[in-house]
């Protein structure tokens, strides 16, 4: 089952299934790729900004902590890591 990264549960690892690169600028896409945000990589959503805006979103990617905008997270589809490992 896929969901959007901006709606993912905090503290639970998810795998990036698809990123709509056309929904962001070239600079935004390049920045996310430089941080290792690619299809197939596992991330853990850690913290969101304020209660009202939910922006930005802090992620753990490997050993790094990365901050992305909520609008960027809204174009990233993720899938549950645990359910796929359990099915294998």
PDB file of N, CA and C in Angstrom:
ATOM      1  N   UNK A   1       0.841  -1.168   0.000  1.00  0.00           N
ATOM      2  CA  UNK A   1       0.000   0.000   0.000  1.00  0.00           C
ATOM      3  C   UNK A   1       0.895   1.242   0.000  1.00  0.00           C
ATOM      4  N   UNK A   2       0.591   2.190  -0.862  1.00  0.00           N
ATOM      5  CA  UNK A   2       1.375   3.414  -0.922  1.00  0.00           C
ATOM      6  C   UNK A   2       0.593   4.564  -0.304  1.00  0.00           C
ATOM      7  N   UNK A   3       1.355   5.516   0.196  1.00  0.00           N
ATOM      8  CA  UNK A   3       0.794   6.735   0.776  1.00  0.00           C
ATOM      9  C   UNK A   3       1.761   7.858   0.439  1.00  0.00           C
ATOM     10  N   UNK A   4       1.420   9.043   0.792  1.00  0.00           N
ATOM     11  CA  UNK A   4       2.312  10.171   0.553  1.00  0.00           C
ATOM     12  C   UNK A   4       3.171  10.412   1.788  1.00  0.00           C
ATOM     13  N   UNK A   5       4.403  10.806   1.556  1.00  0.00           N
ATOM     14  CA  UNK A   5       5.357  10.983   2.649  1.00  0.00           C
ATOM     15  C   UNK A   5       4.876  12.025   3.655  1.00  0.00           C
ATOM     16  N   UNK A   6       4.194  13.052   3.208  1.00  0.00           N
ATOM     17  CA  UNK A   6       3.745  14.083   4.150  1.00  0.00           C
ATOM     18  C   UNK A   6       2.668  13.581   5.096  1.00  0.00           C
ATOM     19  N   UNK A   7       2.064  12.423   4.788  1.00  0.00           N
ATOM     20  CA  UNK A   7       1.040  11.831   5.661  1.00  0.00           C
ATOM     21  C   UNK A   7       1.572  10.626   6.431  1.00  0.00           C
ATOM     22  N   UNK A   8       2.836  10.269   6.235  1.00  0.00           N
ATOM     23  CA  UNK A   8       3.401   9.079   6.874  1.00  0.00           C
ATOM     24  C   UNK A   8       3.493   9.263   8.388  1.00  0.00           C
ATOM     25  N   UNK A   9       3.398   8.153   9.090  1.00  0.00           N
ATOM     26  CA  UNK A   9       3.475   8.163  10.546  1.00  0.00           C
ATOM     27  C   UNK A   9       4.904   8.466  10.989  1.00  0.00           C
ATOM     28  N   UNK A  10       5.032   9.352  11.960  1.00  0.00           N
ATOM     29  CA  UNK A  10       6.355   9.709  12.465  1.00  0.00           C
ATOM     30  C   UNK A  10       6.977   8.516  13.188  1.00  0.00           C
ATOM     31  N   UNK A  11       8.280   8.312  12.966  1.00  0.00           N
ATOM     32  CA  UNK A  11       9.016   7.265  13.660  1.00  0.00           C
ATOM     33  C   UNK A  11       8.938   5.889  13.021  1.00  0.00           C
ATOM     34  N   UNK A  12       8.195   5.753  11.944  1.00  0.00           N
ATOM     35  CA  UNK A  12       8.032   4.462  11.279  1.00  0.00           C
ATOM     36  C   UNK A  12       8.744   4.493   9.920  1.00  0.00           C
ATOM     37  N   UNK A  13       9.644   3.537   9.679  1.00  0.00           N
ATOM     38  CA  UNK A  13      10.399   3.489   8.431  1.00  0.00           C
ATOM     39  C   UNK A  13       9.471   3.180   7.256  1.00  0.00           C
ATOM     40  N   UNK A  14       9.703   3.909   6.171  1.00  0.00           N
ATOM     41  CA  UNK A  14       8.961   3.683   4.927  1.00  0.00           C
ATOM     42  C   UNK A  14       9.971   3.660   3.776  1.00  0.00           C
ATOM     43  N   UNK A  15       9.571   3.045   2.690  1.00  0.00           N
ATOM     44  CA  UNK A  15      10.418   2.981   1.488  1.00  0.00           C
ATOM     45  C   UNK A  15       9.821   3.893   0.418  1.00  0.00           C
ATOM     46  N   UNK A  16      10.651   4.650  -0.249  1.00  0.00           N
ATOM     47  CA  UNK A  16      10.160   5.551  -1.295  1.00  0.00           C
ATOM     48  C   UNK A  16       9.811   4.725  -2.528  1.00  0.00           C
ATOM     49  N   UNK A  17       8.559   4.794  -2.932  1.00  0.00           N
ATOM     50  CA  UNK A  17       8.079   4.037  -4.084  1.00  0.00           C
ATOM     51  C   UNK A  17       8.172   4.852  -5.369  1.00  0.00           C
ATOM     52  N   UNK A  18       7.879   6.149  -5.285  1.00  0.00           N
ATOM     53  CA  UNK A  18       7.861   6.980  -6.489  1.00  0.00           C
ATOM     54  C   UNK A  18       7.996   8.441  -6.091  1.00  0.00           C
ATOM     55  N   UNK A  19       8.735   9.182  -6.881  1.00  0.00           N
ATOM     56  CA  UNK A  19       8.859  10.626  -6.671  1.00  0.00           C
ATOM     57  C   UNK A  19       8.443  11.313  -7.958  1.00  0.00           C
ATOM     58  N   UNK A  20       7.521  12.243  -7.857  1.00  0.00           N
ATOM     59  CA  UNK A  20       7.093  13.018  -9.025  1.00  0.00           C
ATOM     60  C   UNK A  20       8.057  14.184  -9.202  1.00  0.00           C
ATOM     61  N   UNK A  21       9.144  13.930  -9.935  1.00  0.00           N
ATOM     62  CA  UNK A  21      10.176  14.949 -10.114  1.00  0.00           C
ATOM     63  C   UNK A  21       9.650  16.152 -10.883  1.00  0.00           C
ATOM     64  N   UNK A  22       8.592  15.962 -11.680  1.00  0.00           N
ATOM     65  CA  UNK A  22       8.067  17.074 -12.469  1.00  0.00           C
ATOM     66  C   UNK A  22       7.311  18.085 -11.607  1.00  0.00           C
ATOM     67  N   UNK A  23       6.981  17.709 -10.376  1.00  0.00           N
ATOM     68  CA  UNK A  23       6.220  18.603  -9.498  1.00  0.00           C
ATOM     69  C   UNK A  23       7.117  19.543  -8.707  1.00  0.00           C
ATOM     70  N   UNK A  24       8.421  19.464  -8.935  1.00  0.00           N
ATOM     71  CA  UNK A  24       9.330  20.365  -8.224  1.00  0.00           C
ATOM     72  C   UNK A  24      10.328  20.961  -9.210  1.00  0.00           C
ATOM     73  N   UNK A  25      11.002  21.997  -8.773  1.00  0.00           N
ATOM     74  CA  UNK A  25      11.973  22.649  -9.644  1.00  0.00           C
ATOM     75  C   UNK A  25      13.209  21.758  -9.799  1.00  0.00           C
ATOM     76  N   UNK A  26      14.020  22.079 -10.822  1.00  0.00           N
ATOM     77  CA  UNK A  26      15.252  21.318 -11.032  1.00  0.00           C
ATOM     78  C   UNK A  26      16.173  21.409  -9.820  1.00  0.00           C
ATOM     79  N   UNK A  27      16.257  22.590  -9.216  1.00  0.00           N
ATOM     80  CA  UNK A  27      17.111  22.763  -8.035  1.00  0.00           C
ATOM     81  C   UNK A  27      16.607  21.935  -6.851  1.00  0.00           C
ATOM     82  N   UNK A  28      15.287  21.910  -6.644  1.00  0.00           N
ATOM     83  CA  UNK A  28      14.730  21.103  -5.553  1.00  0.00           C
ATOM     84  C   UNK A  28      15.025  19.621  -5.786  1.00  0.00           C
ATOM     85  N   UNK A  29      14.819  19.162  -7.008  1.00  0.00           N
ATOM     86  CA  UNK A  29      15.076  17.760  -7.334  1.00  0.00           C
ATOM     87  C   UNK A  29      16.544  17.390  -7.155  1.00  0.00           C
ATOM     88  N   UNK A  30      17.417  18.286  -7.620  1.00  0.00           N
ATOM     89  CA  UNK A  30      18.862  18.030  -7.474  1.00  0.00           C
ATOM     90  C   UNK A  30      19.236  17.956  -5.998  1.00  0.00           C
ATOM     91  N   UNK A  31      18.700  18.871  -5.181  1.00  0.00           N
ATOM     92  CA  UNK A  31      19.001  18.883  -3.749  1.00  0.00           C
ATOM     93  C   UNK A  31      18.542  17.578  -3.082  1.00  0.00           C
ATOM     94  N   UNK A  32      17.346  17.117  -3.407  1.00  0.00           N
ATOM     95  CA  UNK A  32      16.844  15.879  -2.799  1.00  0.00           C
ATOM     96  C   UNK A  32      17.674  14.675  -3.235  1.00  0.00           C
ATOM     97  N   UNK A  33      18.071  14.634  -4.506  1.00  0.00           N
ATOM     98  CA  UNK A  33      18.916  13.525  -4.982  1.00  0.00           C
ATOM     99  C   UNK A  33      20.278  13.556  -4.305  1.00  0.00           C
ATOM    100  N   UNK A  34      20.818  14.750  -4.061  1.00  0.00           N
ATOM    101  CA  UNK A  34      22.108  14.854  -3.368  1.00  0.00           C
ATOM    102  C   UNK A  34      22.023  14.323  -1.938  1.00  0.00           C
ATOM    103  N   UNK A  35      20.868  14.429  -1.331  1.00  0.00           N
ATOM    104  CA  UNK A  35      20.674  13.875   0.011  1.00  0.00           C
ATOM    105  C   UNK A  35      20.397  12.374  -0.019  1.00  0.00           C
ATOM    106  N   UNK A  36      20.273  11.793  -1.194  1.00  0.00           N
ATOM    107  CA  UNK A  36      20.036  10.362  -1.314  1.00  0.00           C
ATOM    108  C   UNK A  36      18.576   9.986  -1.358  1.00  0.00           C
ATOM    109  N   UNK A  37      17.713  10.959  -1.553  1.00  0.00           N
ATOM    110  CA  UNK A  37      16.278  10.691  -1.623  1.00  0.00           C
ATOM    111  C   UNK A  37      15.949  10.187  -3.024  1.00  0.00           C
ATOM    112  N   UNK A  38      15.872   8.878  -3.184  1.00  0.00           N
ATOM    113  CA  UNK A  38      15.628   8.243  -4.480  1.00  0.00           C
ATOM    114  C   UNK A  38      14.616   7.116  -4.279  1.00  0.00           C
ATOM    115  N   UNK A  39      14.033   6.657  -5.376  1.00  0.00           N
ATOM    116  CA  UNK A  39      13.130   5.530  -5.310  1.00  0.00           C
ATOM    117  C   UNK A  39      13.881   4.322  -4.746  1.00  0.00           C
ATOM    118  N   UNK A  40      13.256   3.610  -3.828  1.00  0.00           N
ATOM    119  CA  UNK A  40      13.854   2.416  -3.232  1.00  0.00           C
ATOM    120  C   UNK A  40      14.576   2.669  -1.929  1.00  0.00           C
ATOM    121  N   UNK A  41      14.850   3.911  -1.590  1.00  0.00           N
ATOM    122  CA  UNK A  41      15.583   4.182  -0.346  1.00  0.00           C
ATOM    123  C   UNK A  41      14.603   4.218   0.828  1.00  0.00           C
ATOM    124  N   UNK A  42      15.093   3.829   1.993  1.00  0.00           N
ATOM    125  CA  UNK A  42      14.267   3.836   3.203  1.00  0.00           C
ATOM    126  C   UNK A  42      14.510   5.111   3.980  1.00  0.00           C
ATOM    127  N   UNK A  43      13.440   5.704   4.464  1.00  0.00           N
ATOM    128  CA  UNK A  43      13.514   6.920   5.269  1.00  0.00           C
ATOM    129  C   UNK A  43      12.617   6.758   6.487  1.00  0.00           C
ATOM    130  N   UNK A  44      12.927   7.519   7.515  1.00  0.00           N
ATOM    131  CA  UNK A  44      12.078   7.553   8.706  1.00  0.00           C
ATOM    132  C   UNK A  44      11.649   9.003   8.934  1.00  0.00           C
ATOM    133  N   UNK A  45      10.364   9.307   8.795  1.00  0.00           N
ATOM    134  CA  UNK A  45       9.887  10.648   9.131  1.00  0.00           C
ATOM    135  C   UNK A  45      10.031  10.864  10.641  1.00  0.00           C
ATOM    136  N   UNK A  46      10.698  11.935  11.042  1.00  0.00           N
ATOM    137  CA  UNK A  46      11.000  12.156  12.461  1.00  0.00           C
ATOM    138  C   UNK A  46      10.153  13.236  13.118  1.00  0.00           C
ATOM    139  N   UNK A  47      10.114  14.405  12.520  1.00  0.00           N
ATOM    140  CA  UNK A  47       9.416  15.530  13.150  1.00  0.00           C
ATOM    141  C   UNK A  47       8.760  16.387  12.075  1.00  0.00           C
ATOM    142  N   UNK A  48       7.672  17.010  12.474  1.00  0.00           N
ATOM    143  CA  UNK A  48       7.038  17.999  11.603  1.00  0.00           C
ATOM    144  C   UNK A  48       7.125  19.352  12.282  1.00  0.00           C
ATOM    145  N   UNK A  49       6.955  20.393  11.498  1.00  0.00           N
ATOM    146  CA  UNK A  49       6.979  21.746  12.031  1.00  0.00           C
ATOM    147  C   UNK A  49       5.807  21.971  12.960  1.00  0.00           C
ATOM    148  N   UNK A  50       5.218  23.114  12.879  1.00  0.00           N
ATOM    149  CA  UNK A  50       4.144  23.452  13.798  1.00  0.00           C
ATOM    150  C   UNK A  50       2.908  22.597  13.557  1.00  0.00           C
ATOM    151  N   UNK A  51       2.029  22.634  14.506  1.00  0.00           N
ATOM    152  CA  UNK A  51       0.790  21.852  14.427  1.00  0.00           C
ATOM    153  C   UNK A  51      -0.052  22.289  13.232  1.00  0.00           C
ATOM    154  N   UNK A  52      -0.038  23.560  12.929  1.00  0.00           N
ATOM    155  CA  UNK A  52      -0.928  24.082  11.906  1.00  0.00           C
ATOM    156  C   UNK A  52      -0.393  23.913  10.486  1.00  0.00           C
ATOM    157  N   UNK A  53       0.907  24.108  10.283  1.00  0.00           N
ATOM    158  CA  UNK A  53       1.414  24.055   8.920  1.00  0.00           C
ATOM    159  C   UNK A  53       2.001  22.695   8.541  1.00  0.00           C
ATOM    160  N   UNK A  54       2.473  21.914   9.522  1.00  0.00           N
ATOM    161  CA  UNK A  54       3.105  20.610   9.287  1.00  0.00           C
ATOM    162  C   UNK A  54       4.337  20.764   8.374  1.00  0.00           C
ATOM    163  N   UNK A  55       4.952  21.924   8.383  1.00  0.00           N
ATOM    164  CA  UNK A  55       6.087  22.209   7.521  1.00  0.00           C
ATOM    165  C   UNK A  55       7.212  22.784   8.357  1.00  0.00           C
ATOM    166  N   UNK A  56       8.442  22.377   8.212  1.00  0.00           N
ATOM    167  CA  UNK A  56       8.968  21.347   7.324  1.00  0.00           C
ATOM    168  C   UNK A  56       8.840  19.950   7.950  1.00  0.00           C
ATOM    169  N   UNK A  57       9.400  18.966   7.261  1.00  0.00           N
ATOM    170  CA  UNK A  57       9.401  17.577   7.721  1.00  0.00           C
ATOM    171  C   UNK A  57      10.850  17.119   7.838  1.00  0.00           C
ATOM    172  N   UNK A  58      11.211  16.619   9.022  1.00  0.00           N
ATOM    173  CA  UNK A  58      12.562  16.082   9.239  1.00  0.00           C
ATOM    174  C   UNK A  58      12.553  14.590   8.957  1.00  0.00           C
ATOM    175  N   UNK A  59      13.559  14.122   8.207  1.00  0.00           N
ATOM    176  CA  UNK A  59      13.674  12.712   7.839  1.00  0.00           C
ATOM    177  C   UNK A  59      15.033  12.176   8.257  1.00  0.00           C
ATOM    178  N   UNK A  60      15.084  10.907   8.556  1.00  0.00           N
ATOM    179  CA  UNK A  60      16.355  10.215   8.698  1.00  0.00           C
ATOM    180  C   UNK A  60      16.545   9.383   7.445  1.00  0.00           C
ATOM    181  N   UNK A  61      17.679   9.632   6.755  1.00  0.00           N
ATOM    182  CA  UNK A  61      18.051   8.860   5.571  1.00  0.00           C
ATOM    183  C   UNK A  61      19.417   8.271   5.872  1.00  0.00           C
ATOM    184  N   UNK A  62      19.461   6.988   6.122  1.00  0.00           N
ATOM    185  CA  UNK A  62      20.731   6.388   6.547  1.00  0.00           C
ATOM    186  C   UNK A  62      21.141   6.984   7.881  1.00  0.00           C
ATOM    187  N   UNK A  63      22.296   7.634   7.920  1.00  0.00           N
ATOM    188  CA  UNK A  63      22.759   8.262   9.159  1.00  0.00           C
ATOM    189  C   UNK A  63      22.523   9.766   9.165  1.00  0.00           C
ATOM    190  N   UNK A  64      21.911  10.293   8.103  1.00  0.00           N
ATOM    191  CA  UNK A  64      21.688  11.743   8.000  1.00  0.00           C
ATOM    192  C   UNK A  64      20.295  12.138   8.453  1.00  0.00           C
ATOM    193  N   UNK A  65      20.211  13.361   8.974  1.00  0.00           N
ATOM    194  CA  UNK A  65      18.929  14.003   9.237  1.00  0.00           C
ATOM    195  C   UNK A  65      18.755  15.057   8.160  1.00  0.00           C
ATOM    196  N   UNK A  66      17.644  15.014   7.440  1.00  0.00           N
ATOM    197  CA  UNK A  66      17.391  15.924   6.329  1.00  0.00           C
ATOM    198  C   UNK A  66      16.046  16.592   6.565  1.00  0.00           C
ATOM    199  N   UNK A  67      15.985  17.876   6.230  1.00  0.00           N
ATOM    200  CA  UNK A  67      14.731  18.625   6.357  1.00  0.00           C
ATOM    201  C   UNK A  67      14.213  18.912   4.943  1.00  0.00           C
ATOM    202  N   UNK A  68      12.958  18.579   4.684  1.00  0.00           N
ATOM    203  CA  UNK A  68      12.351  18.910   3.396  1.00  0.00           C
ATOM    204  C   UNK A  68      11.047  19.639   3.632  1.00  0.00           C
ATOM    205  N   UNK A  69      10.589  20.346   2.634  1.00  0.00           N
ATOM    206  CA  UNK A  69       9.324  21.063   2.704  1.00  0.00           C
ATOM    207  C   UNK A  69       8.155  20.090   2.589  1.00  0.00           C
ATOM    208  N   UNK A  70       7.046  20.443   3.206  1.00  0.00           N
ATOM    209  CA  UNK A  70       5.859  19.605   3.144  1.00  0.00           C
ATOM    210  C   UNK A  70       5.369  19.439   1.709  1.00  0.00           C
ATOM    211  N   UNK A  71       5.498  20.494   0.889  1.00  0.00           N
ATOM    212  CA  UNK A  71       5.044  20.387  -0.508  1.00  0.00           C
ATOM    213  C   UNK A  71       5.906  19.396  -1.290  1.00  0.00           C
ATOM    214  N   UNK A  72       7.193  19.252  -0.917  1.00  0.00           N
ATOM    215  CA  UNK A  72       8.038  18.235  -1.551  1.00  0.00           C
ATOM    216  C   UNK A  72       7.641  16.842  -1.079  1.00  0.00           C
ATOM    217  N   UNK A  73       7.359  16.714   0.215  1.00  0.00           N
ATOM    218  CA  UNK A  73       6.935  15.420   0.757  1.00  0.00           C
ATOM    219  C   UNK A  73       5.594  14.977   0.170  1.00  0.00           C
ATOM    220  N   UNK A  74       4.782  15.940  -0.248  1.00  0.00           N
ATOM    221  CA  UNK A  74       3.459  15.624  -0.785  1.00  0.00           C
ATOM    222  C   UNK A  74       3.515  15.003  -2.180  1.00  0.00           C
ATOM    223  N   UNK A  75       4.666  15.032  -2.839  1.00  0.00           N
ATOM    224  CA  UNK A  75       4.785  14.421  -4.175  1.00  0.00           C
ATOM    225  C   UNK A  75       5.651  13.155  -4.129  1.00  0.00           C
ATOM    226  N   UNK A  76       5.926  12.670  -2.923  1.00  0.00           N
ATOM    227  CA  UNK A  76       6.728  11.458  -2.750  1.00  0.00           C
ATOM    228  C   UNK A  76       5.828  10.348  -2.217  1.00  0.00           C
ATOM    229  N   UNK A  77       5.664   9.299  -3.011  1.00  0.00           N
ATOM    230  CA  UNK A  77       4.860   8.149  -2.582  1.00  0.00           C
ATOM    231  C   UNK A  77       5.755   7.176  -1.834  1.00  0.00           C
ATOM    232  N   UNK A  78       5.257   6.671  -0.717  1.00  0.00           N
ATOM    233  CA  UNK A  78       6.023   5.728   0.095  1.00  0.00           C
ATOM    234  C   UNK A  78       5.192   4.480   0.352  1.00  0.00           C
ATOM    235  N   UNK A  79       5.896   3.398   0.652  1.00  0.00           N
ATOM    236  CA  UNK A  79       5.217   2.149   1.007  1.00  0.00           C
ATOM    237  C   UNK A  79       5.785   1.651   2.317  1.00  0.00           C
ATOM    238  N   UNK A  80       5.003   0.839   2.995  1.00  0.00           N
ATOM    239  CA  UNK A  80       5.379   0.315   4.298  1.00  0.00           C
ATOM    240  C   UNK A  80       6.509  -0.696   4.149  1.00  0.00           C
ATOM    241  N   UNK A  81       7.557  -0.552   4.909  1.00  0.00           N
ATOM    242  CA  UNK A  81       8.689  -1.474   4.840  1.00  0.00           C
ATOM    243  C   UNK A  81       8.360  -2.774   5.545  1.00  0.00           C
ATOM    244  N   UNK A  82       7.693  -2.723   6.682  1.00  0.00           N
ATOM    245  CA  UNK A  82       7.428  -3.899   7.492  1.00  0.00           C
ATOM    246  C   UNK A  82       6.533  -4.899   6.768  1.00  0.00           C
ATOM    247  N   UNK A  83       5.478  -4.416   6.110  1.00  0.00           N
ATOM    248  CA  UNK A  83       4.540  -5.347   5.484  1.00  0.00           C
ATOM    249  C   UNK A  83       5.192  -6.113   4.331  1.00  0.00           C
ATOM    250  N   UNK A  84       6.108  -5.461   3.597  1.00  0.00           N
ATOM    251  CA  UNK A  84       6.777  -6.160   2.499  1.00  0.00           C
ATOM    252  C   UNK A  84       7.737  -7.217   3.030  1.00  0.00           C
ATOM    253  N   UNK A  85       8.449  -6.920   4.106  1.00  0.00           N
ATOM    254  CA  UNK A  85       9.360  -7.910   4.671  1.00  0.00           C
ATOM    255  C   UNK A  85       8.589  -9.086   5.241  1.00  0.00           C
ATOM    256  N   UNK A  86       7.436  -8.806   5.819  1.00  0.00           N
ATOM    257  CA  UNK A  86       6.615  -9.874   6.362  1.00  0.00           C
ATOM    258  C   UNK A  86       6.039 -10.766   5.278  1.00  0.00           C
ATOM    259  N   UNK A  87       5.777 -10.205   4.090  1.00  0.00           N
ATOM    260  CA  UNK A  87       5.204 -10.976   2.991  1.00  0.00           C
ATOM    261  C   UNK A  87       6.244 -11.839   2.294  1.00  0.00           C
ATOM    262  N   UNK A  88       7.539 -11.479   2.419  1.00  0.00           N
ATOM    263  CA  UNK A  88       8.598 -12.210   1.718  1.00  0.00           C
ATOM    264  C   UNK A  88       8.930 -13.533   2.373  1.00  0.00           C
TER     265      UNK A  88
END
